[in-house]
């Protein structure tokens, strides 16, 4: 499971013309799922997100987590995180899990985060979405459960 995580002042997602999720300060989390991913990967990712120390403390150092600052998370599925553009000009997405596997795992990330007390909003799986955000920092982190980072 992969995620691109951005610290944001706010973020929102509109799917098919409908606002489906919105947060104030927190993390925008774009999540991709590959074939071998399981609920254990979803739990690992949610725990990493809740504890990731990317928010400023009293000295301005990135030393506080999402849970500590009371921020929200906007979780959006993003199969293109498994795009492979090494050959040619059109990326291949064969490494991305099929929707019937990916959708429950993206939802599992959101549920696990919510279970940690984090306010969670989300997009609509498989929909054409407009994702808007105001980057804070900017701070952007890549996470990959298969690589342990």
C-alpha atoms as a PDB file:
ATOM      1  CA  UNK A   1       0.000   0.000   0.000  1.00  0.00           C
ATOM      2  CA  UNK A   2       1.315   3.414  -0.915  1.00  0.00           C
ATOM      3  CA  UNK A   3       0.346   6.868   0.221  1.00  0.00           C
ATOM      4  CA  UNK A   4       1.293  10.399  -0.691  1.00  0.00           C
ATOM      5  CA  UNK A   5       0.675  12.446   2.440  1.00  0.00           C
ATOM      6  CA  UNK A   6       0.519  16.245   2.453  1.00  0.00           C
ATOM      7  CA  UNK A   7       0.155  18.489   5.460  1.00  0.00           C
ATOM      8  CA  UNK A   8      -2.636  20.906   4.593  1.00  0.00           C
ATOM      9  CA  UNK A   9      -4.345  23.978   5.973  1.00  0.00           C
ATOM     10  CA  UNK A  10      -7.545  22.568   4.418  1.00  0.00           C
ATOM     11  CA  UNK A  11      -8.576  20.027   1.817  1.00  0.00           C
ATOM     12  CA  UNK A  12     -11.767  18.919   0.150  1.00  0.00           C
ATOM     13  CA  UNK A  13     -12.921  16.487  -2.491  1.00  0.00           C
ATOM     14  CA  UNK A  14     -15.831  16.807  -4.891  1.00  0.00           C
ATOM     15  CA  UNK A  15     -17.023  13.634  -6.630  1.00  0.00           C
ATOM     16  CA  UNK A  16     -19.418  13.847  -9.547  1.00  0.00           C
ATOM     17  CA  UNK A  17     -20.282  17.426  -8.572  1.00  0.00           C
ATOM     18  CA  UNK A  18     -20.985  16.577  -4.902  1.00  0.00           C
ATOM     19  CA  UNK A  19     -18.811  17.575  -1.941  1.00  0.00           C
ATOM     20  CA  UNK A  20     -17.971  14.214  -0.332  1.00  0.00           C
ATOM     21  CA  UNK A  21     -15.272  15.187   2.144  1.00  0.00           C
ATOM     22  CA  UNK A  22     -13.680  18.243   3.689  1.00  0.00           C
ATOM     23  CA  UNK A  23     -11.172  18.902   6.478  1.00  0.00           C
ATOM     24  CA  UNK A  24      -9.489  21.876   8.093  1.00  0.00           C
ATOM     25  CA  UNK A  25      -5.850  21.566   9.188  1.00  0.00           C
ATOM     26  CA  UNK A  26      -4.539  18.026   8.884  1.00  0.00           C
ATOM     27  CA  UNK A  27      -3.381  15.521   6.292  1.00  0.00           C
ATOM     28  CA  UNK A  28      -4.483  14.903   2.719  1.00  0.00           C
ATOM     29  CA  UNK A  29      -3.801  11.193   2.126  1.00  0.00           C
ATOM     30  CA  UNK A  30      -3.809   9.770  -1.406  1.00  0.00           C
ATOM     31  CA  UNK A  31      -3.875   5.960  -1.069  1.00  0.00           C
ATOM     32  CA  UNK A  32      -2.941   3.334  -3.659  1.00  0.00           C
ATOM     33  CA  UNK A  33      -3.415  -0.408  -3.235  1.00  0.00           C
ATOM     34  CA  UNK A  34      -1.489  -3.219  -4.955  1.00  0.00           C
ATOM     35  CA  UNK A  35      -2.331  -6.905  -5.364  1.00  0.00           C
ATOM     36  CA  UNK A  36      -0.600  -8.277  -2.253  1.00  0.00           C
ATOM     37  CA  UNK A  37      -1.971  -5.702   0.181  1.00  0.00           C
ATOM     38  CA  UNK A  38      -4.034  -6.822   3.160  1.00  0.00           C
ATOM     39  CA  UNK A  39      -5.834  -5.318   6.156  1.00  0.00           C
ATOM     40  CA  UNK A  40      -2.496  -5.488   7.980  1.00  0.00           C
ATOM     41  CA  UNK A  41      -1.123  -2.986   5.447  1.00  0.00           C
ATOM     42  CA  UNK A  42      -4.162  -0.749   6.001  1.00  0.00           C
ATOM     43  CA  UNK A  43      -3.662  -0.893   9.779  1.00  0.00           C
ATOM     44  CA  UNK A  44       0.075  -0.164   9.396  1.00  0.00           C
ATOM     45  CA  UNK A  45      -0.673   2.852   7.203  1.00  0.00           C
ATOM     46  CA  UNK A  46      -3.355   4.220   9.548  1.00  0.00           C
ATOM     47  CA  UNK A  47      -1.058   3.876  12.574  1.00  0.00           C
ATOM     48  CA  UNK A  48       1.772   5.568  10.698  1.00  0.00           C
ATOM     49  CA  UNK A  49      -0.516   8.426   9.651  1.00  0.00           C
ATOM     50  CA  UNK A  50      -1.892   8.982  13.161  1.00  0.00           C
ATOM     51  CA  UNK A  51       1.597   9.114  14.673  1.00  0.00           C
ATOM     52  CA  UNK A  52       3.536  10.854  11.880  1.00  0.00           C
ATOM     53  CA  UNK A  53       5.249  13.841  13.473  1.00  0.00           C
ATOM     54  CA  UNK A  54       4.929  16.511  10.798  1.00  0.00           C
ATOM     55  CA  UNK A  55       3.182  19.284  12.738  1.00  0.00           C
ATOM     56  CA  UNK A  56       4.978  22.097  14.530  1.00  0.00           C
ATOM     57  CA  UNK A  57       5.527  22.205  18.260  1.00  0.00           C
ATOM     58  CA  UNK A  58       5.958  25.385  20.344  1.00  0.00           C
ATOM     59  CA  UNK A  59       9.453  25.878  18.883  1.00  0.00           C
ATOM     60  CA  UNK A  60       8.244  25.394  15.313  1.00  0.00           C
ATOM     61  CA  UNK A  61       9.878  21.971  14.937  1.00  0.00           C
ATOM     62  CA  UNK A  62       7.957  19.174  13.262  1.00  0.00           C
ATOM     63  CA  UNK A  63       7.489  17.234  16.459  1.00  0.00           C
ATOM     64  CA  UNK A  64       3.726  16.707  16.836  1.00  0.00           C
ATOM     65  CA  UNK A  65       1.425  14.127  15.306  1.00  0.00           C
ATOM     66  CA  UNK A  66      -2.011  14.390  13.760  1.00  0.00           C
ATOM     67  CA  UNK A  67      -3.482  12.929  16.935  1.00  0.00           C
ATOM     68  CA  UNK A  68      -1.670  15.499  19.100  1.00  0.00           C
ATOM     69  CA  UNK A  69      -2.807  18.536  17.121  1.00  0.00           C
ATOM     70  CA  UNK A  70      -6.379  17.343  16.671  1.00  0.00           C
ATOM     71  CA  UNK A  71      -6.192  17.542  12.892  1.00  0.00           C
ATOM     72  CA  UNK A  72      -8.311  15.709  10.363  1.00  0.00           C
ATOM     73  CA  UNK A  73      -7.473  13.354   7.527  1.00  0.00           C
ATOM     74  CA  UNK A  74      -8.933  13.389   4.038  1.00  0.00           C
ATOM     75  CA  UNK A  75      -8.429   9.897   2.576  1.00  0.00           C
ATOM     76  CA  UNK A  76      -8.736   9.607  -1.211  1.00  0.00           C
ATOM     77  CA  UNK A  77      -8.158   6.491  -3.335  1.00  0.00           C
ATOM     78  CA  UNK A  78      -5.465   6.953  -5.971  1.00  0.00           C
ATOM     79  CA  UNK A  79      -4.733   3.869  -8.110  1.00  0.00           C
ATOM     80  CA  UNK A  80      -2.254   5.876 -10.204  1.00  0.00           C
ATOM     81  CA  UNK A  81       0.270   5.649  -7.335  1.00  0.00           C
ATOM     82  CA  UNK A  82       1.037   2.227  -8.811  1.00  0.00           C
ATOM     83  CA  UNK A  83       1.532   3.587 -12.326  1.00  0.00           C
ATOM     84  CA  UNK A  84       4.705   2.376 -14.034  1.00  0.00           C
ATOM     85  CA  UNK A  85       6.067   4.829 -16.597  1.00  0.00           C
ATOM     86  CA  UNK A  86       9.472   3.211 -17.134  1.00  0.00           C
ATOM     87  CA  UNK A  87       8.604   2.113 -20.691  1.00  0.00           C
ATOM     88  CA  UNK A  88       6.992   4.287 -23.308  1.00  0.00           C
ATOM     89  CA  UNK A  89       4.892   7.334 -22.597  1.00  0.00           C
ATOM     90  CA  UNK A  90       1.696   5.729 -21.322  1.00  0.00           C
ATOM     91  CA  UNK A  91       1.910   4.440 -17.741  1.00  0.00           C
ATOM     92  CA  UNK A  92       0.883   0.872 -17.013  1.00  0.00           C
ATOM     93  CA  UNK A  93      -1.390   0.307 -14.037  1.00  0.00           C
ATOM     94  CA  UNK A  94      -1.140  -3.492 -13.829  1.00  0.00           C
ATOM     95  CA  UNK A  95       0.390  -3.216 -10.330  1.00  0.00           C
ATOM     96  CA  UNK A  96      -2.741  -1.480  -9.019  1.00  0.00           C
ATOM     97  CA  UNK A  97      -5.190  -3.786  -7.273  1.00  0.00           C
ATOM     98  CA  UNK A  98      -8.623  -4.269  -8.855  1.00  0.00           C
ATOM     99  CA  UNK A  99     -11.468  -2.193  -7.385  1.00  0.00           C
ATOM    100  CA  UNK A 100     -13.042  -5.112  -5.509  1.00  0.00           C
ATOM    101  CA  UNK A 101      -9.786  -5.540  -3.547  1.00  0.00           C
ATOM    102  CA  UNK A 102      -8.742  -1.888  -3.307  1.00  0.00           C
ATOM    103  CA  UNK A 103     -12.009  -0.269  -2.190  1.00  0.00           C
ATOM    104  CA  UNK A 104     -12.334  -2.193   1.110  1.00  0.00           C
ATOM    105  CA  UNK A 105      -8.666  -1.580   1.942  1.00  0.00           C
ATOM    106  CA  UNK A 106      -8.886   2.177   1.361  1.00  0.00           C
ATOM    107  CA  UNK A 107     -11.993   2.144   3.558  1.00  0.00           C
ATOM    108  CA  UNK A 108     -10.069   0.122   6.165  1.00  0.00           C
ATOM    109  CA  UNK A 109      -7.425   2.865   6.340  1.00  0.00           C
ATOM    110  CA  UNK A 110     -10.144   5.467   6.943  1.00  0.00           C
ATOM    111  CA  UNK A 111     -11.916   3.331   9.572  1.00  0.00           C
ATOM    112  CA  UNK A 112      -8.687   2.547  11.402  1.00  0.00           C
ATOM    113  CA  UNK A 113      -7.766   6.245  11.492  1.00  0.00           C
ATOM    114  CA  UNK A 114     -11.231   7.129  12.769  1.00  0.00           C
ATOM    115  CA  UNK A 115     -10.847   4.429  15.408  1.00  0.00           C
ATOM    116  CA  UNK A 116      -7.761   6.297  16.611  1.00  0.00           C
ATOM    117  CA  UNK A 117      -9.892   9.367  17.251  1.00  0.00           C
ATOM    118  CA  UNK A 118      -8.892  11.179  14.066  1.00  0.00           C
ATOM    119  CA  UNK A 119     -11.724  13.002  12.238  1.00  0.00           C
ATOM    120  CA  UNK A 120     -11.783  11.407   8.775  1.00  0.00           C
ATOM    121  CA  UNK A 121     -13.367  12.488   5.510  1.00  0.00           C
ATOM    122  CA  UNK A 122     -13.064  10.678   2.194  1.00  0.00           C
ATOM    123  CA  UNK A 123     -13.662  10.749  -1.500  1.00  0.00           C
ATOM    124  CA  UNK A 124     -15.844   8.327  -3.462  1.00  0.00           C
ATOM    125  CA  UNK A 125     -14.007   5.251  -4.696  1.00  0.00           C
ATOM    126  CA  UNK A 126     -13.864   5.033  -8.485  1.00  0.00           C
ATOM    127  CA  UNK A 127     -15.444   8.421  -9.057  1.00  0.00           C
ATOM    128  CA  UNK A 128     -14.005  11.249 -11.104  1.00  0.00           C
ATOM    129  CA  UNK A 129     -12.924  13.551  -8.285  1.00  0.00           C
ATOM    130  CA  UNK A 130     -11.738  17.103  -7.925  1.00  0.00           C
ATOM    131  CA  UNK A 131      -9.325  17.267  -4.993  1.00  0.00           C
ATOM    132  CA  UNK A 132      -8.454  20.725  -3.702  1.00  0.00           C
ATOM    133  CA  UNK A 133      -6.082  21.650  -0.908  1.00  0.00           C
ATOM    134  CA  UNK A 134      -3.914  24.373   0.520  1.00  0.00           C
ATOM    135  CA  UNK A 135      -0.514  22.883   1.252  1.00  0.00           C
ATOM    136  CA  UNK A 136       0.969  23.795   4.605  1.00  0.00           C
ATOM    137  CA  UNK A 137       4.738  24.005   4.578  1.00  0.00           C
ATOM    138  CA  UNK A 138       4.750  22.454   2.063  1.00  0.00           C
ATOM    139  CA  UNK A 139       5.238  19.081   3.703  1.00  0.00           C
ATOM    140  CA  UNK A 140       4.777  15.974   1.575  1.00  0.00           C
ATOM    141  CA  UNK A 141       5.778  12.449   2.636  1.00  0.00           C
ATOM    142  CA  UNK A 142       5.741   9.156   0.736  1.00  0.00           C
ATOM    143  CA  UNK A 143       4.736   6.035   2.662  1.00  0.00           C
ATOM    144  CA  UNK A 144       4.948   2.431   1.412  1.00  0.00           C
ATOM    145  CA  UNK A 145       3.936  -0.508   3.604  1.00  0.00           C
ATOM    146  CA  UNK A 146       5.946  -2.987   1.506  1.00  0.00           C
ATOM    147  CA  UNK A 147       9.133  -1.001   2.064  1.00  0.00           C
ATOM    148  CA  UNK A 148       8.405  -0.083   5.655  1.00  0.00           C
ATOM    149  CA  UNK A 149       8.586   3.669   5.143  1.00  0.00           C
END
